[in-house]
Amino acid sequence: MKQLMLGNAAVARGMYEAGCKVVSSYPGTPSTEITEEAVKFPEIYCEWAPNEKVAVEAAYGASLAGVRSACAMKHVGLNVAADPVFSISYIGVHGGMVICVADDPGMHSSQNEQDSRHYARAAKIPMLEPADSAEALSFTKLAFEISESFNTPVFLKLCTRIAHSQSVVETGERVERPVIPYVKDTHNVMTPANAKVRHPIVE
């Protein structure tokens, strides 16, 4: 069905259609509505975290448990979340994990104008950048596929105009994903010995 949809709402719809089960976020304009819209789907467990670092860690815990998960924050929140983000890049994911980050060019509601694309390069994490609400939905679903195919979290980068503008999207049905069984693996602990093994894989 075609309908007019806010960019952030389209991301939430993409999470729903992709079979995402857990969303943990920290509110911050222009990303807040992603989680506010995701909570409307009873199939998705949503929570507000005390900060962005905890949001990433909670979503990653769900990924390790074998389900698709996501978190959302604004660009300056990615500074707070940087520590686990860089480590998760090395460890890899179990269930697909998408990190939604909304930049704020022009500083409509932010203290700086930093560009999250630099984090994607530095952390060696793929980043998708939708241009409208339709792409916001389809790129969210694609991000989960890339995440599981390449054993990595994936950034979904929005900006104020994409997050808060509306365009026509075509919605689909939810596809449930089986829970991936958890396997205990001490190589997930990023001691220097394990990190050195993972480094060429990340590259």
N, C-alpha and C. Protein backbone atom coordinates (compact mmCIF):
# COMPACT_ATOMS: atom_id res chain seq x y z
N MET A 1 0.84 -1.19 0.00
CA MET A 1 0.00 0.00 0.00
C MET A 1 0.88 1.25 0.00
N LYS A 2 0.54 2.22 -0.85
CA LYS A 2 1.29 3.46 -0.89
C LYS A 2 0.71 4.46 0.09
N GLN A 3 1.60 5.18 0.77
CA GLN A 3 1.14 6.20 1.69
C GLN A 3 2.24 7.24 1.91
N LEU A 4 1.82 8.42 2.34
CA LEU A 4 2.75 9.49 2.65
C LEU A 4 3.33 9.22 4.04
N MET A 5 4.65 9.26 4.18
CA MET A 5 5.26 8.86 5.45
C MET A 5 6.48 9.71 5.76
N LEU A 6 6.60 10.09 7.01
CA LEU A 6 7.78 10.79 7.52
C LEU A 6 9.01 9.90 7.36
N GLY A 7 10.16 10.49 7.09
CA GLY A 7 11.38 9.69 6.94
C GLY A 7 11.65 8.81 8.13
N ASN A 8 11.54 9.36 9.33
CA ASN A 8 11.78 8.56 10.53
C ASN A 8 10.76 7.43 10.67
N ALA A 9 9.51 7.71 10.32
CA ALA A 9 8.48 6.67 10.38
C ALA A 9 8.77 5.58 9.37
N ALA A 10 9.32 5.95 8.22
CA ALA A 10 9.67 4.96 7.20
C ALA A 10 10.79 4.05 7.69
N VAL A 11 11.74 4.60 8.44
CA VAL A 11 12.79 3.77 9.02
C VAL A 11 12.17 2.75 9.98
N ALA A 12 11.26 3.22 10.83
CA ALA A 12 10.60 2.32 11.77
C ALA A 12 9.82 1.24 11.03
N ARG A 13 9.16 1.63 9.94
CA ARG A 13 8.42 0.65 9.14
C ARG A 13 9.37 -0.37 8.53
N GLY A 14 10.54 0.11 8.08
CA GLY A 14 11.54 -0.81 7.55
C GLY A 14 12.02 -1.80 8.58
N MET A 15 12.20 -1.32 9.82
CA MET A 15 12.57 -2.23 10.91
C MET A 15 11.51 -3.30 11.10
N TYR A 16 10.27 -2.87 11.10
CA TYR A 16 9.15 -3.81 11.27
C TYR A 16 9.14 -4.85 10.16
N GLU A 17 9.22 -4.40 8.91
CA GLU A 17 9.15 -5.33 7.78
C GLU A 17 10.35 -6.28 7.75
N ALA A 18 11.50 -5.81 8.25
CA ALA A 18 12.71 -6.64 8.25
C ALA A 18 12.73 -7.68 9.36
N GLY A 19 11.73 -7.66 10.24
CA GLY A 19 11.68 -8.63 11.32
C GLY A 19 12.49 -8.24 12.54
N CYS A 20 12.81 -6.95 12.66
CA CYS A 20 13.54 -6.46 13.85
C CYS A 20 12.71 -6.72 15.10
N LYS A 21 13.37 -7.14 16.17
CA LYS A 21 12.66 -7.46 17.40
C LYS A 21 12.98 -6.53 18.56
N VAL A 22 14.13 -5.84 18.52
CA VAL A 22 14.55 -5.00 19.65
C VAL A 22 15.07 -3.67 19.12
N VAL A 23 14.59 -2.57 19.72
CA VAL A 23 15.12 -1.24 19.43
C VAL A 23 15.41 -0.56 20.76
N SER A 24 16.65 -0.13 20.94
CA SER A 24 17.05 0.61 22.13
C SER A 24 17.69 1.91 21.66
N SER A 25 17.18 3.04 22.14
CA SER A 25 17.63 4.33 21.62
C SER A 25 17.75 5.37 22.72
N TYR A 26 18.42 6.47 22.37
CA TYR A 26 18.42 7.65 23.22
C TYR A 26 17.82 8.78 22.41
N PRO A 27 16.82 9.48 22.94
CA PRO A 27 16.13 10.49 22.13
C PRO A 27 17.00 11.70 21.84
N GLY A 28 16.86 12.23 20.64
CA GLY A 28 17.57 13.43 20.25
C GLY A 28 17.15 13.84 18.85
N THR A 29 16.67 15.06 18.70
CA THR A 29 16.26 15.54 17.39
C THR A 29 17.47 15.61 16.46
N PRO A 30 17.40 15.07 15.24
CA PRO A 30 16.19 14.68 14.50
C PRO A 30 15.91 13.17 14.44
N SER A 31 16.35 12.39 15.42
CA SER A 31 16.19 10.93 15.33
C SER A 31 15.03 10.39 16.18
N THR A 32 14.47 11.19 17.05
CA THR A 32 13.57 10.69 18.10
C THR A 32 12.39 9.90 17.56
N GLU A 33 11.79 10.37 16.47
CA GLU A 33 10.56 9.72 15.99
C GLU A 33 10.78 8.30 15.50
N ILE A 34 12.01 7.91 15.22
CA ILE A 34 12.25 6.52 14.79
C ILE A 34 11.74 5.56 15.85
N THR A 35 12.14 5.77 17.08
CA THR A 35 11.73 4.87 18.16
C THR A 35 10.27 5.10 18.54
N GLU A 36 9.83 6.37 18.48
CA GLU A 36 8.42 6.65 18.79
C GLU A 36 7.49 5.96 17.80
N GLU A 37 7.92 5.80 16.57
CA GLU A 37 7.12 5.08 15.58
C GLU A 37 7.30 3.57 15.70
N ALA A 38 8.50 3.13 16.02
CA ALA A 38 8.76 1.68 16.14
C ALA A 38 7.95 1.06 17.27
N VAL A 39 7.74 1.81 18.35
CA VAL A 39 7.02 1.25 19.50
C VAL A 39 5.55 0.97 19.18
N LYS A 40 5.06 1.52 18.09
CA LYS A 40 3.67 1.27 17.68
C LYS A 40 3.47 -0.14 17.14
N PHE A 41 4.57 -0.82 16.83
CA PHE A 41 4.48 -2.20 16.34
C PHE A 41 4.68 -3.14 17.53
N PRO A 42 3.67 -3.91 17.90
CA PRO A 42 3.81 -4.79 19.08
C PRO A 42 4.87 -5.87 18.91
N GLU A 43 5.28 -6.14 17.68
CA GLU A 43 6.30 -7.16 17.45
C GLU A 43 7.70 -6.69 17.82
N ILE A 44 7.86 -5.36 18.01
CA ILE A 44 9.17 -4.80 18.33
C ILE A 44 9.21 -4.34 19.78
N TYR A 45 10.15 -4.86 20.55
CA TYR A 45 10.36 -4.37 21.91
C TYR A 45 11.20 -3.10 21.83
N CYS A 46 10.69 -2.00 22.37
CA CYS A 46 11.39 -0.72 22.32
C CYS A 46 11.65 -0.19 23.72
N GLU A 47 12.78 0.49 23.86
CA GLU A 47 13.10 1.11 25.15
C GLU A 47 13.95 2.35 24.91
N TRP A 48 13.83 3.31 25.86
CA TRP A 48 14.76 4.42 25.90
C TRP A 48 15.89 4.05 26.83
N ALA A 49 17.11 4.24 26.38
CA ALA A 49 18.29 3.95 27.19
C ALA A 49 18.73 5.23 27.91
N PRO A 50 19.52 5.11 28.98
CA PRO A 50 19.98 6.31 29.70
C PRO A 50 20.96 7.16 28.91
N ASN A 51 21.62 6.57 27.91
CA ASN A 51 22.49 7.33 27.01
C ASN A 51 22.74 6.49 25.75
N GLU A 52 23.44 7.07 24.80
CA GLU A 52 23.64 6.39 23.52
C GLU A 52 24.55 5.17 23.63
N LYS A 53 25.51 5.23 24.50
CA LYS A 53 26.41 4.08 24.70
C LYS A 53 25.61 2.86 25.16
N VAL A 54 24.74 3.06 26.11
CA VAL A 54 23.91 1.96 26.62
C VAL A 54 22.95 1.49 25.54
N ALA A 55 22.43 2.41 24.72
CA ALA A 55 21.51 2.03 23.64
C ALA A 55 22.20 1.07 22.67
N VAL A 56 23.43 1.40 22.28
CA VAL A 56 24.18 0.53 21.37
C VAL A 56 24.44 -0.82 22.03
N GLU A 57 24.84 -0.81 23.29
CA GLU A 57 25.16 -2.05 23.99
C GLU A 57 23.93 -2.94 24.16
N ALA A 58 22.77 -2.33 24.44
CA ALA A 58 21.54 -3.12 24.58
C ALA A 58 21.14 -3.74 23.24
N ALA A 59 21.23 -2.96 22.17
CA ALA A 59 20.91 -3.50 20.85
C ALA A 59 21.89 -4.61 20.47
N TYR A 60 23.16 -4.42 20.83
CA TYR A 60 24.15 -5.44 20.51
C TYR A 60 23.90 -6.72 21.32
N GLY A 61 23.46 -6.57 22.56
CA GLY A 61 23.10 -7.75 23.35
C GLY A 61 22.01 -8.56 22.69
N ALA A 62 21.03 -7.87 22.12
CA ALA A 62 19.96 -8.56 21.39
C ALA A 62 20.50 -9.25 20.15
N SER A 63 21.44 -8.59 19.47
CA SER A 63 22.07 -9.20 18.30
C SER A 63 22.81 -10.48 18.69
N LEU A 64 23.55 -10.43 19.79
CA LEU A 64 24.26 -11.62 20.25
C LEU A 64 23.29 -12.75 20.60
N ALA A 65 22.10 -12.38 21.05
CA ALA A 65 21.08 -13.38 21.39
C ALA A 65 20.42 -13.95 20.15
N GLY A 66 20.76 -13.40 18.96
CA GLY A 66 20.30 -14.00 17.72
C GLY A 66 19.12 -13.37 17.04
N VAL A 67 18.73 -12.15 17.46
CA VAL A 67 17.61 -11.47 16.80
C VAL A 67 18.09 -10.18 16.15
N ARG A 68 17.31 -9.70 15.21
CA ARG A 68 17.63 -8.43 14.57
C ARG A 68 17.32 -7.28 15.53
N SER A 69 18.24 -6.32 15.59
CA SER A 69 18.08 -5.22 16.54
C SER A 69 18.54 -3.92 15.90
N ALA A 70 18.17 -2.81 16.55
CA ALA A 70 18.56 -1.50 16.05
C ALA A 70 18.65 -0.52 17.21
N CYS A 71 19.35 0.56 16.98
CA CYS A 71 19.36 1.67 17.92
C CYS A 71 19.35 2.96 17.12
N ALA A 72 18.94 4.06 17.75
CA ALA A 72 18.86 5.34 17.05
C ALA A 72 19.36 6.46 17.95
N MET A 73 20.01 7.43 17.32
CA MET A 73 20.55 8.58 18.06
C MET A 73 20.81 9.71 17.07
N LYS A 74 21.09 10.90 17.59
CA LYS A 74 21.52 11.99 16.72
C LYS A 74 23.03 11.96 16.58
N HIS A 75 23.55 12.82 15.73
CA HIS A 75 24.97 12.75 15.39
C HIS A 75 25.89 12.93 16.59
N VAL A 76 25.58 13.87 17.49
CA VAL A 76 26.46 14.06 18.63
C VAL A 76 26.37 12.89 19.62
N GLY A 77 25.27 12.15 19.57
CA GLY A 77 25.14 10.96 20.40
C GLY A 77 26.10 9.87 20.00
N LEU A 78 26.50 9.89 18.72
CA LEU A 78 27.45 8.88 18.26
C LEU A 78 28.81 9.06 18.95
N ASN A 79 29.11 10.27 19.38
CA ASN A 79 30.33 10.48 20.17
C ASN A 79 30.27 9.68 21.47
N VAL A 80 29.12 9.69 22.11
CA VAL A 80 28.94 8.97 23.38
C VAL A 80 29.01 7.47 23.14
N ALA A 81 28.53 7.02 22.00
CA ALA A 81 28.45 5.58 21.70
C ALA A 81 29.71 5.04 21.03
N ALA A 82 30.69 5.88 20.79
CA ALA A 82 31.85 5.48 19.97
C ALA A 82 32.59 4.28 20.54
N ASP A 83 32.75 4.20 21.85
CA ASP A 83 33.52 3.11 22.43
C ASP A 83 32.98 1.73 22.05
N PRO A 84 31.70 1.42 22.34
CA PRO A 84 31.21 0.10 21.91
C PRO A 84 31.11 -0.04 20.40
N VAL A 85 30.84 1.04 19.66
CA VAL A 85 30.71 0.95 18.21
C VAL A 85 32.00 0.43 17.57
N PHE A 86 33.14 0.97 17.99
CA PHE A 86 34.41 0.55 17.41
C PHE A 86 34.73 -0.91 17.77
N SER A 87 34.40 -1.31 18.98
CA SER A 87 34.66 -2.71 19.38
C SER A 87 33.73 -3.68 18.67
N ILE A 88 32.45 -3.31 18.52
CA ILE A 88 31.49 -4.18 17.85
C ILE A 88 31.89 -4.40 16.40
N SER A 89 32.50 -3.39 15.79
CA SER A 89 32.99 -3.54 14.42
C SER A 89 33.97 -4.70 14.32
N TYR A 90 34.81 -4.85 15.32
CA TYR A 90 35.79 -5.94 15.34
C TYR A 90 35.13 -7.27 15.69
N ILE A 91 34.27 -7.26 16.68
CA ILE A 91 33.67 -8.53 17.15
C ILE A 91 32.73 -9.11 16.10
N GLY A 92 31.95 -8.26 15.47
CA GLY A 92 30.94 -8.73 14.53
C GLY A 92 29.60 -8.93 15.20
N VAL A 93 28.58 -9.22 14.42
CA VAL A 93 27.22 -9.38 14.94
C VAL A 93 26.77 -10.82 14.81
N HIS A 94 25.67 -11.12 15.43
CA HIS A 94 25.04 -12.44 15.33
C HIS A 94 23.74 -12.28 14.55
N GLY A 95 22.75 -11.63 15.15
CA GLY A 95 21.60 -11.18 14.38
C GLY A 95 21.93 -9.82 13.79
N GLY A 96 21.27 -9.44 12.71
CA GLY A 96 21.55 -8.16 12.06
C GLY A 96 21.36 -6.99 13.01
N MET A 97 22.25 -5.99 12.92
CA MET A 97 22.19 -4.81 13.79
C MET A 97 22.37 -3.56 12.96
N VAL A 98 21.43 -2.61 13.14
CA VAL A 98 21.48 -1.35 12.42
C VAL A 98 21.58 -0.20 13.42
N ILE A 99 22.55 0.68 13.17
CA ILE A 99 22.74 1.86 14.01
C ILE A 99 22.25 3.07 13.22
N CYS A 100 21.11 3.62 13.62
CA CYS A 100 20.55 4.78 12.93
C CYS A 100 21.12 6.05 13.57
N VAL A 101 21.71 6.91 12.75
CA VAL A 101 22.25 8.17 13.25
C VAL A 101 21.76 9.30 12.37
N ALA A 102 21.20 10.33 13.01
CA ALA A 102 20.61 11.44 12.27
C ALA A 102 21.47 12.68 12.44
N ASP A 103 22.10 13.12 11.35
CA ASP A 103 22.92 14.33 11.38
C ASP A 103 22.03 15.57 11.29
N ASP A 104 22.61 16.71 11.62
CA ASP A 104 21.83 17.96 11.67
C ASP A 104 22.56 19.09 10.96
N PRO A 105 22.71 19.01 9.62
CA PRO A 105 23.33 20.10 8.88
C PRO A 105 22.55 21.40 9.08
N GLY A 106 23.27 22.48 9.34
CA GLY A 106 22.60 23.74 9.61
C GLY A 106 22.33 23.97 11.09
N MET A 107 22.56 22.94 11.88
CA MET A 107 22.41 23.01 13.34
C MET A 107 21.06 23.58 13.77
N HIS A 108 19.98 22.96 13.28
CA HIS A 108 18.63 23.38 13.66
C HIS A 108 18.35 23.13 15.14
N SER A 109 18.95 22.05 15.67
CA SER A 109 18.69 21.71 17.08
C SER A 109 19.92 21.09 17.73
N SER A 110 21.09 21.49 17.29
CA SER A 110 22.31 20.83 17.74
C SER A 110 23.42 21.84 17.99
N GLN A 111 24.42 21.41 18.77
CA GLN A 111 25.52 22.30 19.13
C GLN A 111 26.67 22.29 18.13
N ASN A 112 26.65 21.34 17.18
CA ASN A 112 27.66 21.34 16.13
C ASN A 112 27.11 20.68 14.88
N GLU A 113 27.93 20.64 13.85
CA GLU A 113 27.48 20.17 12.54
C GLU A 113 28.33 19.00 12.07
N GLN A 114 28.75 18.15 12.99
CA GLN A 114 29.67 17.07 12.62
C GLN A 114 29.02 16.11 11.62
N ASP A 115 29.86 15.42 10.89
CA ASP A 115 29.43 14.54 9.80
C ASP A 115 29.71 13.09 10.21
N SER A 116 28.66 12.30 10.39
CA SER A 116 28.81 10.92 10.86
C SER A 116 29.51 10.00 9.87
N ARG A 117 29.64 10.44 8.64
CA ARG A 117 30.32 9.61 7.65
C ARG A 117 31.78 9.35 8.04
N HIS A 118 32.36 10.27 8.79
CA HIS A 118 33.73 10.07 9.26
C HIS A 118 33.82 8.90 10.24
N TYR A 119 32.77 8.71 11.04
CA TYR A 119 32.74 7.56 11.96
C TYR A 119 32.66 6.25 11.18
N ALA A 120 31.90 6.23 10.12
CA ALA A 120 31.78 5.01 9.32
C ALA A 120 33.14 4.61 8.76
N ARG A 121 33.88 5.58 8.25
CA ARG A 121 35.22 5.30 7.72
C ARG A 121 36.16 4.84 8.82
N ALA A 122 36.13 5.54 9.95
CA ALA A 122 37.07 5.24 11.04
C ALA A 122 36.79 3.88 11.67
N ALA A 123 35.52 3.54 11.82
CA ALA A 123 35.16 2.28 12.48
C ALA A 123 35.07 1.12 11.50
N LYS A 124 35.24 1.37 10.21
CA LYS A 124 35.16 0.34 9.17
C LYS A 124 33.77 -0.32 9.15
N ILE A 125 32.75 0.53 9.24
CA ILE A 125 31.37 0.05 9.26
C ILE A 125 30.64 0.60 8.02
N PRO A 126 29.94 -0.25 7.27
CA PRO A 126 29.20 0.24 6.10
C PRO A 126 28.13 1.25 6.50
N MET A 127 27.87 2.20 5.63
CA MET A 127 26.86 3.22 5.89
C MET A 127 25.97 3.39 4.67
N LEU A 128 24.66 3.41 4.90
CA LEU A 128 23.69 3.68 3.85
C LEU A 128 23.05 5.03 4.12
N GLU A 129 22.82 5.81 3.04
CA GLU A 129 22.26 7.16 3.19
C GLU A 129 21.03 7.32 2.31
N PRO A 130 19.84 7.13 2.86
CA PRO A 130 18.63 7.30 2.06
C PRO A 130 18.40 8.75 1.67
N ALA A 131 17.77 8.96 0.52
CA ALA A 131 17.51 10.30 0.00
C ALA A 131 16.07 10.75 0.20
N ASP A 132 15.18 9.83 0.56
CA ASP A 132 13.79 10.18 0.83
C ASP A 132 13.17 9.08 1.68
N SER A 133 11.89 9.20 1.96
CA SER A 133 11.23 8.22 2.84
C SER A 133 11.18 6.83 2.23
N ALA A 134 10.99 6.74 0.92
CA ALA A 134 10.95 5.43 0.26
C ALA A 134 12.27 4.71 0.44
N GLU A 135 13.37 5.43 0.24
CA GLU A 135 14.68 4.82 0.44
C GLU A 135 14.95 4.56 1.91
N ALA A 136 14.41 5.39 2.80
CA ALA A 136 14.58 5.16 4.23
C ALA A 136 14.02 3.79 4.61
N LEU A 137 12.87 3.44 4.05
CA LEU A 137 12.28 2.13 4.32
C LEU A 137 13.11 1.01 3.69
N SER A 138 13.39 1.14 2.41
CA SER A 138 14.09 0.04 1.71
C SER A 138 15.53 -0.10 2.18
N PHE A 139 16.21 1.01 2.48
CA PHE A 139 17.59 0.95 2.93
C PHE A 139 17.69 0.34 4.33
N THR A 140 16.66 0.56 5.16
CA THR A 140 16.66 -0.07 6.49
C THR A 140 16.63 -1.58 6.35
N LYS A 141 15.78 -2.07 5.49
CA LYS A 141 15.71 -3.51 5.25
C LYS A 141 17.01 -4.04 4.66
N LEU A 142 17.58 -3.29 3.72
CA LEU A 142 18.85 -3.68 3.11
C LEU A 142 19.97 -3.69 4.15
N ALA A 143 19.94 -2.74 5.07
CA ALA A 143 20.98 -2.66 6.11
C ALA A 143 21.03 -3.94 6.95
N PHE A 144 19.87 -4.49 7.27
CA PHE A 144 19.84 -5.74 8.03
C PHE A 144 20.43 -6.88 7.22
N GLU A 145 20.13 -6.91 5.93
CA GLU A 145 20.67 -7.97 5.07
C GLU A 145 22.19 -7.87 4.97
N ILE A 146 22.70 -6.65 4.78
CA ILE A 146 24.15 -6.45 4.71
C ILE A 146 24.80 -6.83 6.04
N SER A 147 24.16 -6.44 7.13
CA SER A 147 24.70 -6.74 8.46
C SER A 147 24.92 -8.23 8.67
N GLU A 148 23.93 -9.02 8.32
CA GLU A 148 24.03 -10.46 8.52
C GLU A 148 24.94 -11.12 7.47
N SER A 149 24.94 -10.59 6.27
CA SER A 149 25.76 -11.17 5.21
C SER A 149 27.25 -10.99 5.48
N PHE A 150 27.60 -9.83 6.07
CA PHE A 150 29.02 -9.51 6.26
C PHE A 150 29.43 -9.44 7.73
N ASN A 151 28.55 -9.90 8.63
CA ASN A 151 28.89 -10.01 10.05
C ASN A 151 29.38 -8.69 10.63
N THR A 152 28.62 -7.63 10.36
CA THR A 152 29.01 -6.30 10.82
C THR A 152 27.78 -5.47 11.13
N PRO A 153 27.88 -4.55 12.10
CA PRO A 153 26.79 -3.57 12.22
C PRO A 153 26.79 -2.68 10.99
N VAL A 154 25.67 -2.04 10.72
CA VAL A 154 25.56 -1.15 9.56
C VAL A 154 24.95 0.18 10.03
N PHE A 155 25.57 1.28 9.61
CA PHE A 155 25.01 2.60 9.88
C PHE A 155 23.92 2.92 8.87
N LEU A 156 22.83 3.51 9.35
CA LEU A 156 21.83 4.13 8.49
C LEU A 156 21.86 5.61 8.82
N LYS A 157 22.36 6.42 7.88
CA LYS A 157 22.55 7.85 8.14
C LYS A 157 21.43 8.68 7.55
N LEU A 158 20.74 9.39 8.43
CA LEU A 158 19.72 10.34 8.01
C LEU A 158 20.24 11.75 8.24
N CYS A 159 19.50 12.73 7.81
CA CYS A 159 19.77 14.11 8.19
C CYS A 159 18.41 14.75 8.48
N THR A 160 18.43 15.98 8.96
CA THR A 160 17.20 16.62 9.41
C THR A 160 16.12 16.61 8.33
N ARG A 161 16.49 16.95 7.11
CA ARG A 161 15.48 17.05 6.06
C ARG A 161 14.90 15.70 5.66
N ILE A 162 15.72 14.67 5.65
CA ILE A 162 15.21 13.32 5.33
C ILE A 162 14.36 12.80 6.48
N ALA A 163 14.83 13.00 7.71
CA ALA A 163 14.12 12.49 8.88
C ALA A 163 12.76 13.15 9.05
N HIS A 164 12.67 14.45 8.74
CA HIS A 164 11.47 15.21 9.06
C HIS A 164 10.65 15.63 7.85
N SER A 165 10.99 15.15 6.67
CA SER A 165 10.16 15.41 5.50
C SER A 165 9.32 14.17 5.19
N GLN A 166 8.32 14.35 4.36
CA GLN A 166 7.44 13.24 4.00
C GLN A 166 7.49 13.00 2.50
N SER A 167 7.44 11.74 2.14
CA SER A 167 7.30 11.36 0.73
C SER A 167 6.56 10.04 0.66
N VAL A 168 6.20 9.64 -0.55
CA VAL A 168 5.38 8.45 -0.73
C VAL A 168 6.23 7.19 -0.58
N VAL A 169 5.74 6.24 0.20
CA VAL A 169 6.41 4.95 0.35
C VAL A 169 5.40 3.85 0.04
N GLU A 170 5.92 2.71 -0.35
CA GLU A 170 5.07 1.54 -0.54
C GLU A 170 5.42 0.52 0.52
N THR A 171 4.50 0.26 1.41
CA THR A 171 4.76 -0.63 2.53
C THR A 171 4.56 -2.09 2.12
N GLY A 172 5.23 -2.97 2.86
CA GLY A 172 5.11 -4.40 2.62
C GLY A 172 4.74 -5.13 3.90
N GLU A 173 4.87 -6.43 3.87
CA GLU A 173 4.54 -7.25 5.02
C GLU A 173 5.79 -7.53 5.85
N ARG A 174 5.60 -7.83 7.10
CA ARG A 174 6.70 -8.21 7.98
C ARG A 174 7.16 -9.62 7.65
N VAL A 175 8.46 -9.81 7.64
CA VAL A 175 9.03 -11.14 7.44
C VAL A 175 9.72 -11.54 8.74
N GLU A 176 9.16 -12.54 9.40
CA GLU A 176 9.74 -13.00 10.66
C GLU A 176 11.02 -13.78 10.40
N ARG A 177 12.01 -13.54 11.23
CA ARG A 177 13.30 -14.21 11.12
C ARG A 177 13.47 -15.18 12.28
N PRO A 178 13.93 -16.40 12.02
CA PRO A 178 14.18 -17.32 13.13
C PRO A 178 15.31 -16.80 14.01
N VAL A 179 15.21 -17.08 15.30
CA VAL A 179 16.26 -16.67 16.23
C VAL A 179 17.50 -17.53 15.95
N ILE A 180 18.64 -16.88 15.79
CA ILE A 180 19.90 -17.59 15.55
C ILE A 180 20.41 -18.12 16.89
N PRO A 181 20.65 -19.41 17.01
CA PRO A 181 21.08 -19.96 18.30
C PRO A 181 22.39 -19.32 18.78
N TYR A 182 22.45 -19.04 20.07
CA TYR A 182 23.65 -18.45 20.66
C TYR A 182 24.73 -19.51 20.83
N VAL A 183 25.94 -19.17 20.46
CA VAL A 183 27.08 -20.06 20.64
C VAL A 183 28.14 -19.31 21.44
N LYS A 184 28.51 -19.83 22.58
CA LYS A 184 29.52 -19.17 23.41
C LYS A 184 30.86 -19.19 22.68
N ASP A 185 31.49 -18.04 22.60
CA ASP A 185 32.75 -17.91 21.86
C ASP A 185 33.63 -16.89 22.56
N THR A 186 34.70 -17.33 23.16
CA THR A 186 35.60 -16.42 23.88
C THR A 186 36.33 -15.48 22.94
N HIS A 187 36.30 -15.76 21.63
CA HIS A 187 36.94 -14.85 20.69
C HIS A 187 36.17 -13.54 20.55
N ASN A 188 34.95 -13.49 21.12
CA ASN A 188 34.18 -12.25 21.11
C ASN A 188 34.73 -11.22 22.09
N VAL A 189 35.61 -11.65 22.98
CA VAL A 189 36.23 -10.74 23.93
C VAL A 189 37.47 -10.15 23.26
N MET A 190 37.46 -8.83 23.08
CA MET A 190 38.51 -8.20 22.29
C MET A 190 39.79 -7.95 23.09
N THR A 191 40.41 -9.04 23.54
CA THR A 191 41.77 -8.94 24.05
C THR A 191 42.68 -8.65 22.86
N PRO A 192 43.88 -8.15 23.08
CA PRO A 192 44.76 -7.87 21.94
C PRO A 192 44.97 -9.07 21.01
N ALA A 193 45.08 -10.26 21.58
CA ALA A 193 45.29 -11.44 20.74
C ALA A 193 44.10 -11.68 19.81
N ASN A 194 42.88 -11.53 20.33
CA ASN A 194 41.71 -11.72 19.50
C ASN A 194 41.52 -10.57 18.52
N ALA A 195 41.82 -9.36 18.96
CA ALA A 195 41.66 -8.19 18.10
C ALA A 195 42.59 -8.26 16.89
N LYS A 196 43.80 -8.76 17.09
CA LYS A 196 44.75 -8.86 15.98
C LYS A 196 44.26 -9.83 14.92
N VAL A 197 43.55 -10.89 15.34
CA VAL A 197 43.00 -11.85 14.39
C VAL A 197 41.85 -11.22 13.61
N ARG A 198 41.06 -10.41 14.31
CA ARG A 198 39.89 -9.81 13.67
C ARG A 198 40.24 -8.62 12.77
N HIS A 199 41.39 -7.99 13.02
CA HIS A 199 41.71 -6.77 12.30
C HIS A 199 41.69 -6.91 10.79
N PRO A 200 42.35 -7.91 10.21
CA PRO A 200 42.30 -8.04 8.73
C PRO A 200 40.89 -8.34 8.22
N ILE A 201 40.07 -9.00 9.04
CA ILE A 201 38.69 -9.28 8.63
C ILE A 201 37.89 -7.99 8.57
N VAL A 202 38.08 -7.12 9.57
CA VAL A 202 37.42 -5.83 9.58
C VAL A 202 37.83 -5.01 8.36
N GLU A 203 39.11 -5.04 8.04
CA GLU A 203 39.62 -4.29 6.90
C GLU A 203 39.04 -4.83 5.58
